[in-house]
PDB file of N, CA and C in Angstrom:
ATOM      1  N   ALA A   1     106.485 197.284  86.604  1.00  0.00           N
ATOM      2  CA  ALA A   1     106.079 198.536  87.234  1.00  0.00           C
ATOM      3  C   ALA A   1     107.124 199.624  87.004  1.00  0.00           C
ATOM      4  N   ASP A   2     108.404 199.223  87.120  1.00  0.00           N
ATOM      5  CA  ASP A   2     109.466 200.212  86.906  1.00  0.00           C
ATOM      6  C   ASP A   2     109.477 200.728  85.475  1.00  0.00           C
ATOM      7  N   SER A   3     109.244 199.820  84.520  1.00  0.00           N
ATOM      8  CA  SER A   3     109.259 200.251  83.119  1.00  0.00           C
ATOM      9  C   SER A   3     108.105 201.204  82.837  1.00  0.00           C
ATOM     10  N   LEU A   4     106.946 200.966  83.465  1.00  0.00           N
ATOM     11  CA  LEU A   4     105.819 201.885  83.296  1.00  0.00           C
ATOM     12  C   LEU A   4     106.136 203.251  83.894  1.00  0.00           C
ATOM     13  N   THR A   5     106.810 203.257  85.024  1.00  0.00           N
ATOM     14  CA  THR A   5     107.207 204.518  85.653  1.00  0.00           C
ATOM     15  C   THR A   5     108.188 205.265  84.755  1.00  0.00           C
ATOM     16  N   ASN A   6     109.126 204.515  84.167  1.00  0.00           N
ATOM     17  CA  ASN A   6     110.095 205.141  83.262  1.00  0.00           C
ATOM     18  C   ASN A   6     109.412 205.709  82.024  1.00  0.00           C
ATOM     19  N   VAL A   7     108.469 204.951  81.472  1.00  0.00           N
ATOM     20  CA  VAL A   7     107.735 205.413  80.290  1.00  0.00           C
ATOM     21  C   VAL A   7     106.943 206.670  80.629  1.00  0.00           C
ATOM     22  N   GLU A   8     106.296 206.653  81.792  1.00  0.00           N
ATOM     23  CA  GLU A   8     105.512 207.821  82.212  1.00  0.00           C
ATOM     24  C   GLU A   8     106.413 209.044  82.373  1.00  0.00           C
ATOM     25  N   LYS A   9     107.586 208.840  82.963  1.00  0.00           N
ATOM     26  CA  LYS A   9     108.531 209.948  83.145  1.00  0.00           C
ATOM     27  C   LYS A   9     108.996 210.477  81.785  1.00  0.00           C
ATOM     28  N   GLU A  10     109.319 209.566  80.871  1.00  0.00           N
ATOM     29  CA  GLU A  10     109.748 209.978  79.533  1.00  0.00           C
ATOM     30  C   GLU A  10     108.653 210.754  78.813  1.00  0.00           C
ATOM     31  N   LEU A  11     107.411 210.304  78.944  1.00  0.00           N
ATOM     32  CA  LEU A  11     106.291 211.010  78.317  1.00  0.00           C
ATOM     33  C   LEU A  11     106.122 212.408  78.901  1.00  0.00           C
ATOM     34  N   LYS A  12     106.267 212.523  80.217  1.00  0.00           N
ATOM     35  CA  LYS A  12     106.170 213.843  80.855  1.00  0.00           C
ATOM     36  C   LYS A  12     107.299 214.751  80.372  1.00  0.00           C
ATOM     37  N   ASP A  13     108.508 214.194  80.252  1.00  0.00           N
ATOM     38  CA  ASP A  13     109.642 214.974  79.747  1.00  0.00           C
ATOM     39  C   ASP A  13     109.395 215.433  78.313  1.00  0.00           C
ATOM     40  N   MET A  14     108.877 214.511  77.491  1.00  0.00           N
ATOM     41  CA  MET A  14     108.564 214.860  76.099  1.00  0.00           C
ATOM     42  C   MET A  14     107.509 215.953  76.039  1.00  0.00           C
ATOM     43  N   ASP A  15     106.479 215.813  76.858  1.00  0.00           N
ATOM     44  CA  ASP A  15     105.402 216.796  76.898  1.00  0.00           C
ATOM     45  C   ASP A  15     105.951 218.164  77.289  1.00  0.00           C
ATOM     46  N   SER A  16     106.804 218.179  78.287  1.00  0.00           N
ATOM     47  CA  SER A  16     107.413 219.432  78.733  1.00  0.00           C
ATOM     48  C   SER A  16     108.276 220.041  77.632  1.00  0.00           C
ATOM     49  N   THR A  17     109.051 219.193  76.957  1.00  0.00           N
ATOM     50  CA  THR A  17     109.898 219.664  75.858  1.00  0.00           C
ATOM     51  C   THR A  17     109.052 220.241  74.731  1.00  0.00           C
ATOM     52  N   LEU A  18     107.973 219.552  74.380  1.00  0.00           N
ATOM     53  CA  LEU A  18     107.082 220.046  73.323  1.00  0.00           C
ATOM     54  C   LEU A  18     106.439 221.371  73.715  1.00  0.00           C
ATOM     55  N   GLU A  19     106.009 221.473  74.968  1.00  0.00           N
ATOM     56  CA  GLU A  19     105.417 222.729  75.432  1.00  0.00           C
ATOM     57  C   GLU A  19     106.426 223.867  75.333  1.00  0.00           C
ATOM     58  N   ASN A  20     107.674 223.597  75.705  1.00  0.00           N
ATOM     59  CA  ASN A  20     108.722 224.618  75.601  1.00  0.00           C
ATOM     60  C   ASN A  20     108.964 225.005  74.148  1.00  0.00           C
ATOM     61  N   CYS A  21     108.975 224.012  73.258  1.00  0.00           N
ATOM     62  CA  CYS A  21     109.164 224.294  71.830  1.00  0.00           C
ATOM     63  C   CYS A  21     108.020 225.146  71.290  1.00  0.00           C
ATOM     64  N   ILE A  22     106.802 224.799  71.662  1.00  0.00           N
ATOM     65  CA  ILE A  22     105.640 225.563  71.199  1.00  0.00           C
ATOM     66  C   ILE A  22     105.712 226.993  71.725  1.00  0.00           C
ATOM     67  N   THR A  23     106.095 227.150  72.986  1.00  0.00           N
ATOM     68  CA  THR A  23     106.235 228.490  73.561  1.00  0.00           C
ATOM     69  C   THR A  23     107.300 229.279  72.813  1.00  0.00           C
ATOM     70  N   ASP A  24     108.431 228.633  72.515  1.00  0.00           N
ATOM     71  CA  ASP A  24     109.497 229.303  71.763  1.00  0.00           C
ATOM     72  C   ASP A  24     109.010 229.722  70.379  1.00  0.00           C
ATOM     73  N   ILE A  25     108.285 228.835  69.719  1.00  0.00           N
ATOM     74  CA  ILE A  25     107.774 229.145  68.378  1.00  0.00           C
ATOM     75  C   ILE A  25     106.770 230.286  68.442  1.00  0.00           C
ATOM     76  N   GLN A  26     105.910 230.276  69.453  1.00  0.00           N
ATOM     77  CA  GLN A  26     104.948 231.365  69.598  1.00  0.00           C
ATOM     78  C   GLN A  26     105.663 232.691  69.839  1.00  0.00           C
ATOM     79  N   THR A  27     106.719 232.662  70.639  1.00  0.00           N
ATOM     80  CA  THR A  27     107.505 233.874  70.890  1.00  0.00           C
ATOM     81  C   THR A  27     108.152 234.360  69.599  1.00  0.00           C
ATOM     82  N   GLN A  28     108.751 233.433  68.849  1.00  0.00           N
ATOM     83  CA  GLN A  28     109.363 233.799  67.571  1.00  0.00           C
ATOM     84  C   GLN A  28     108.320 234.341  66.609  1.00  0.00           C
ATOM     85  N   PHE A  29     107.150 233.719  66.596  1.00  0.00           N
ATOM     86  CA  PHE A  29     106.065 234.184  65.740  1.00  0.00           C
ATOM     87  C   PHE A  29     105.694 235.622  66.096  1.00  0.00           C
ATOM     88  N   ASN A  30     105.549 235.896  67.391  1.00  0.00           N
ATOM     89  CA  ASN A  30     105.187 237.252  67.817  1.00  0.00           C
ATOM     90  C   ASN A  30     106.244 238.266  67.411  1.00  0.00           C
ATOM     91  N   VAL A  31     107.515 237.899  67.561  1.00  0.00           N
ATOM     92  CA  VAL A  31     108.598 238.799  67.153  1.00  0.00           C
ATOM     93  C   VAL A  31     108.538 239.041  65.647  1.00  0.00           C
ATOM     94  N   LEU A  32     108.397 237.964  64.872  1.00  0.00           N
ATOM     95  CA  LEU A  32     108.323 238.098  63.414  1.00  0.00           C
ATOM     96  C   LEU A  32     107.099 238.896  62.986  1.00  0.00           C
ATOM     97  N   PHE A  33     105.967 238.643  63.634  1.00  0.00           N
ATOM     98  CA  PHE A  33     104.742 239.359  63.299  1.00  0.00           C
ATOM     99  C   PHE A  33     104.907 240.853  63.576  1.00  0.00           C
ATOM    100  N   ASN A  34     105.493 241.193  64.729  1.00  0.00           N
ATOM    101  CA  ASN A  34     105.727 242.602  65.053  1.00  0.00           C
ATOM    102  C   ASN A  34     106.711 243.235  64.077  1.00  0.00           C
ATOM    103  N   ASP A  35     107.776 242.502  63.741  1.00  0.00           N
ATOM    104  CA  ASP A  35     108.744 243.013  62.764  1.00  0.00           C
ATOM    105  C   ASP A  35     108.084 243.230  61.411  1.00  0.00           C
ATOM    106  N   LEU A  36     107.238 242.295  61.018  1.00  0.00           N
ATOM    107  CA  LEU A  36     106.534 242.411  59.741  1.00  0.00           C
ATOM    108  C   LEU A  36     105.619 243.631  59.730  1.00  0.00           C
ATOM    109  N   ASN A  37     104.918 243.860  60.837  1.00  0.00           N
ATOM    110  CA  ASN A  37     104.062 245.043  60.928  1.00  0.00           C
ATOM    111  C   ASN A  37     104.875 246.329  60.877  1.00  0.00           C
ATOM    112  N   GLU A  38     106.028 246.338  61.565  1.00  0.00           N
ATOM    113  CA  GLU A  38     106.899 247.513  61.513  1.00  0.00           C
ATOM    114  C   GLU A  38     107.401 247.739  60.096  1.00  0.00           C
ATOM    115  N   LEU A  39     107.809 246.663  59.449  1.00  0.00           N
ATOM    116  CA  LEU A  39     108.303 246.759  58.078  1.00  0.00           C
ATOM    117  C   LEU A  39     107.214 247.277  57.156  1.00  0.00           C
ATOM    118  N   LYS A  40     106.019 246.761  57.325  1.00  0.00           N
ATOM    119  CA  LYS A  40     104.890 247.213  56.508  1.00  0.00           C
ATOM    120  C   LYS A  40     104.638 248.696  56.737  1.00  0.00           C
ATOM    121  N   SER A  41     104.643 249.104  57.988  1.00  0.00           N
ATOM    122  CA  SER A  41     104.397 250.502  58.331  1.00  0.00           C
ATOM    123  C   SER A  41     105.490 251.390  57.750  1.00  0.00           C
ATOM    124  N   THR A  42     106.747 250.981  57.910  1.00  0.00           N
ATOM    125  CA  THR A  42     107.867 251.748  57.371  1.00  0.00           C
ATOM    126  C   THR A  42     107.797 251.802  55.858  1.00  0.00           C
ATOM    127  N   SER A  43     107.506 250.656  55.248  1.00  0.00           N
ATOM    128  CA  SER A  43     107.412 250.588  53.793  1.00  0.00           C
ATOM    129  C   SER A  43     106.297 251.489  53.285  1.00  0.00           C
ATOM    130  N   ASN A  44     105.139 251.448  53.941  1.00  0.00           N
ATOM    131  CA  ASN A  44     104.028 252.303  53.524  1.00  0.00           C
ATOM    132  C   ASN A  44     104.365 253.777  53.689  1.00  0.00           C
ATOM    133  N   ASP A  45     105.061 254.124  54.785  1.00  0.00           N
ATOM    134  CA  ASP A  45     105.467 255.515  54.989  1.00  0.00           C
ATOM    135  C   ASP A  45     106.412 255.968  53.885  1.00  0.00           C
ATOM    136  N   GLU A  46     107.375 255.102  53.529  1.00  0.00           N
ATOM    137  CA  GLU A  46     108.319 255.444  52.462  1.00  0.00           C
ATOM    138  C   GLU A  46     107.599 255.573  51.126  1.00  0.00           C
ATOM    139  N   ILE A  47     106.683 254.669  50.873  1.00  0.00           N
ATOM    140  CA  ILE A  47     105.928 254.718  49.616  1.00  0.00           C
ATOM    141  C   ILE A  47     105.133 256.011  49.544  1.00  0.00           C
ATOM    142  N   LEU A  48     104.496 256.365  50.649  1.00  0.00           N
ATOM    143  CA  LEU A  48     103.703 257.596  50.666  1.00  0.00           C
ATOM    144  C   LEU A  48     104.595 258.817  50.490  1.00  0.00           C
ATOM    145  N   ASP A  49     105.777 258.811  51.126  1.00  0.00           N
ATOM    146  CA  ASP A  49     106.700 259.939  50.986  1.00  0.00           C
ATOM    147  C   ASP A  49     107.203 260.073  49.555  1.00  0.00           C
ATOM    148  N   GLU A  50     107.536 258.945  48.937  1.00  0.00           N
ATOM    149  CA  GLU A  50     108.092 258.973  47.584  1.00  0.00           C
ATOM    150  C   GLU A  50     107.028 259.233  46.526  1.00  0.00           C
ATOM    151  N   ASN A  51     105.823 258.850  46.807  1.00  0.00           N
ATOM    152  CA  ASN A  51     104.772 258.915  45.797  1.00  0.00           C
ATOM    153  C   ASN A  51     103.605 259.789  46.233  1.00  0.00           C
ATOM    154  N   ASP A  52     103.905 260.957  46.740  1.00  0.00           N
ATOM    155  CA  ASP A  52     102.833 261.847  47.185  1.00  0.00           C
ATOM    156  C   ASP A  52     101.844 262.148  46.071  1.00  0.00           C
ATOM    157  N   ASP A  53     102.322 262.165  44.840  1.00  0.00           N
ATOM    158  CA  ASP A  53     101.453 262.524  43.727  1.00  0.00           C
ATOM    159  C   ASP A  53     100.719 261.325  43.130  1.00  0.00           C
ATOM    160  N   ASP A  54     101.072 260.092  43.572  1.00  0.00           N
ATOM    161  CA  ASP A  54     100.402 258.899  43.028  1.00  0.00           C
ATOM    162  C   ASP A  54      98.946 258.862  43.462  1.00  0.00           C
ATOM    163  N   ASP A  55      98.145 258.175  42.681  1.00  0.00           N
ATOM    164  CA  ASP A  55      96.734 258.054  43.049  1.00  0.00           C
ATOM    165  C   ASP A  55      96.549 256.999  44.125  1.00  0.00           C
ATOM    166  N   ASP A  56      95.364 256.969  44.717  1.00  0.00           N
ATOM    167  CA  ASP A  56      95.078 256.055  45.824  1.00  0.00           C
ATOM    168  C   ASP A  56      95.122 254.597  45.396  1.00  0.00           C
ATOM    169  N   ASN A  57      94.856 254.313  44.131  1.00  0.00           N
ATOM    170  CA  ASN A  57      94.843 252.918  43.678  1.00  0.00           C
ATOM    171  C   ASN A  57      96.196 252.252  43.862  1.00  0.00           C
ATOM    172  N   ASN A  58      97.274 252.975  43.550  1.00  0.00           N
ATOM    173  CA  ASN A  58      98.610 252.396  43.708  1.00  0.00           C
ATOM    174  C   ASN A  58      98.910 252.106  45.173  1.00  0.00           C
ATOM    175  N   ASN A  59      98.549 253.045  46.047  1.00  0.00           N
ATOM    176  CA  ASN A  59      98.795 252.840  47.475  1.00  0.00           C
ATOM    177  C   ASN A  59      97.956 251.686  48.003  1.00  0.00           C
ATOM    178  N   ASN A  60      96.708 251.604  47.556  1.00  0.00           N
ATOM    179  CA  ASN A  60      95.854 250.495  47.983  1.00  0.00           C
ATOM    180  C   ASN A  60      96.415 249.167  47.504  1.00  0.00           C
ATOM    181  N   SER A  61      96.953 249.152  46.288  1.00  0.00           N
ATOM    182  CA  SER A  61      97.543 247.934  45.744  1.00  0.00           C
ATOM    183  C   SER A  61      98.736 247.499  46.593  1.00  0.00           C
ATOM    184  N   ASN A  62      99.591 248.458  46.966  1.00  0.00           N
ATOM    185  CA  ASN A  62     100.745 248.141  47.807  1.00  0.00           C
ATOM    186  C   ASN A  62     100.299 247.626  49.173  1.00  0.00           C
ATOM    187  N   GLU A  63      99.278 248.248  49.745  1.00  0.00           N
ATOM    188  CA  GLU A  63      98.769 247.799  51.037  1.00  0.00           C
ATOM    189  C   GLU A  63      98.188 246.394  50.920  1.00  0.00           C
ATOM    190  N   ASN A  64      97.446 246.139  49.843  1.00  0.00           N
ATOM    191  CA  ASN A  64      96.856 244.813  49.644  1.00  0.00           C
ATOM    192  C   ASN A  64      97.932 243.744  49.522  1.00  0.00           C
ATOM    193  N   MET A  65      99.018 244.056  48.809  1.00  0.00           N
ATOM    194  CA  MET A  65     100.113 243.088  48.682  1.00  0.00           C
ATOM    195  C   MET A  65     100.735 242.816  50.048  1.00  0.00           C
ATOM    196  N   GLY A  66     100.891 243.864  50.854  1.00  0.00           N
ATOM    197  CA  GLY A  66     101.438 243.686  52.204  1.00  0.00           C
ATOM    198  C   GLY A  66     100.540 242.821  53.064  1.00  0.00           C
ATOM    199  N   VAL A  67      99.247 243.066  52.992  1.00  0.00           N
ATOM    200  CA  VAL A  67      98.285 242.276  53.769  1.00  0.00           C
ATOM    201  C   VAL A  67      98.295 240.825  53.300  1.00  0.00           C
ATOM    202  N   MET A  68      98.352 240.612  51.986  1.00  0.00           N
ATOM    203  CA  MET A  68      98.390 239.246  51.453  1.00  0.00           C
ATOM    204  C   MET A  68      99.647 238.520  51.925  1.00  0.00           C
ATOM    205  N   ALA A  69     100.781 239.221  51.930  1.00  0.00           N
ATOM    206  CA  ALA A  69     102.031 238.610  52.385  1.00  0.00           C
ATOM    207  C   ALA A  69     101.934 238.252  53.868  1.00  0.00           C
ATOM    208  N   GLU A  70     101.390 239.170  54.659  1.00  0.00           N
ATOM    209  CA  GLU A  70     101.222 238.897  56.086  1.00  0.00           C
ATOM    210  C   GLU A  70     100.319 237.692  56.306  1.00  0.00           C
ATOM    211  N   THR A  71      99.204 237.661  55.601  1.00  0.00           N
ATOM    212  CA  THR A  71      98.237 236.575  55.754  1.00  0.00           C
ATOM    213  C   THR A  71      98.866 235.236  55.394  1.00  0.00           C
ATOM    214  N   SER A  72      99.600 235.202  54.303  1.00  0.00           N
ATOM    215  CA  SER A  72     100.264 233.974  53.872  1.00  0.00           C
ATOM    216  C   SER A  72     101.282 233.522  54.917  1.00  0.00           C
ATOM    217  N   PHE A  73     102.039 234.468  55.419  1.00  0.00           N
ATOM    218  CA  PHE A  73     103.054 234.189  56.427  1.00  0.00           C
ATOM    219  C   PHE A  73     102.406 233.627  57.695  1.00  0.00           C
ATOM    220  N   ILE A  74     101.323 234.263  58.123  1.00  0.00           N
ATOM    221  CA  ILE A  74     100.624 233.830  59.331  1.00  0.00           C
ATOM    222  C   ILE A  74     100.052 232.431  59.140  1.00  0.00           C
ATOM    223  N   ARG A  75      99.491 232.168  57.966  1.00  0.00           N
ATOM    224  CA  ARG A  75      98.934 230.835  57.695  1.00  0.00           C
ATOM    225  C   ARG A  75     100.009 229.761  57.777  1.00  0.00           C
ATOM    226  N   ARG A  76     101.182 230.055  57.192  1.00  0.00           N
ATOM    227  CA  ARG A  76     102.267 229.070  57.219  1.00  0.00           C
ATOM    228  C   ARG A  76     102.706 228.785  58.652  1.00  0.00           C
ATOM    229  N   LEU A  77     102.851 229.845  59.453  1.00  0.00           N
ATOM    230  CA  LEU A  77     103.250 229.648  60.840  1.00  0.00           C
ATOM    231  C   LEU A  77     102.177 228.905  61.628  1.00  0.00           C
ATOM    232  N   ASP A  78     100.930 229.205  61.339  1.00  0.00           N
ATOM    233  CA  ASP A  78      99.828 228.535  62.020  1.00  0.00           C
ATOM    234  C   ASP A  78      99.809 227.042  61.685  1.00  0.00           C
ATOM    235  N   ILE A  79     100.061 226.712  60.425  1.00  0.00           N
ATOM    236  CA  ILE A  79     100.120 225.309  59.999  1.00  0.00           C
ATOM    237  C   ILE A  79     101.258 224.593  60.724  1.00  0.00           C
ATOM    238  N   GLN A  80     102.424 225.259  60.797  1.00  0.00           N
ATOM    239  CA  GLN A  80     103.560 224.651  61.491  1.00  0.00           C
ATOM    240  C   GLN A  80     103.240 224.429  62.965  1.00  0.00           C
ATOM    241  N   ARG A  81     102.578 225.403  63.584  1.00  0.00           N
ATOM    242  CA  ARG A  81     102.225 225.285  64.997  1.00  0.00           C
ATOM    243  C   ARG A  81     101.282 224.103  65.206  1.00  0.00           C
ATOM    244  N   LYS A  82     100.284 223.966  64.324  1.00  0.00           N
ATOM    245  CA  LYS A  82      99.326 222.863  64.446  1.00  0.00           C
ATOM    246  C   LYS A  82     100.011 221.516  64.246  1.00  0.00           C
ATOM    247  N   GLU A  83     100.961 221.457  63.308  1.00  0.00           N
ATOM    248  CA  GLU A  83     101.678 220.203  63.072  1.00  0.00           C
ATOM    249  C   GLU A  83     102.479 219.803  64.302  1.00  0.00           C
ATOM    250  N   LEU A  84     103.075 220.781  64.963  1.00  0.00           N
ATOM    251  CA  LEU A  84     103.844 220.477  66.165  1.00  0.00           C
ATOM    252  C   LEU A  84     102.944 220.011  67.307  1.00  0.00           C
ATOM    253  N   GLN A  85     101.744 220.555  67.365  1.00  0.00           N
ATOM    254  CA  GLN A  85     100.827 220.164  68.431  1.00  0.00           C
ATOM    255  C   GLN A  85     100.274 218.766  68.209  1.00  0.00           C
ATOM    256  N   ASP A  86     100.141 218.365  66.937  1.00  0.00           N
ATOM    257  CA  ASP A  86      99.633 217.018  66.631  1.00  0.00           C
ATOM    258  C   ASP A  86     100.726 216.038  66.878  1.00  0.00           C
TER     259      ASP A  86
END
């Protein structure tokens, strides 16, 4: 009976630790996501300032690359989050 109680306590501790880790990762993800959006916004503003005479295709291409990078980054973090939950 005591060993079962100890195992149950250890499992609860592990569960709590995992929940804290997931919360920390989600917080880090939110910070990184916000930083990435700020960087994208700043980068796009600089590109627009430097290339006022460029056509829309170049700006769209730069925006598409930024979106692709964000999407890839988000997918990787999402995969890591799912692995931790499993």
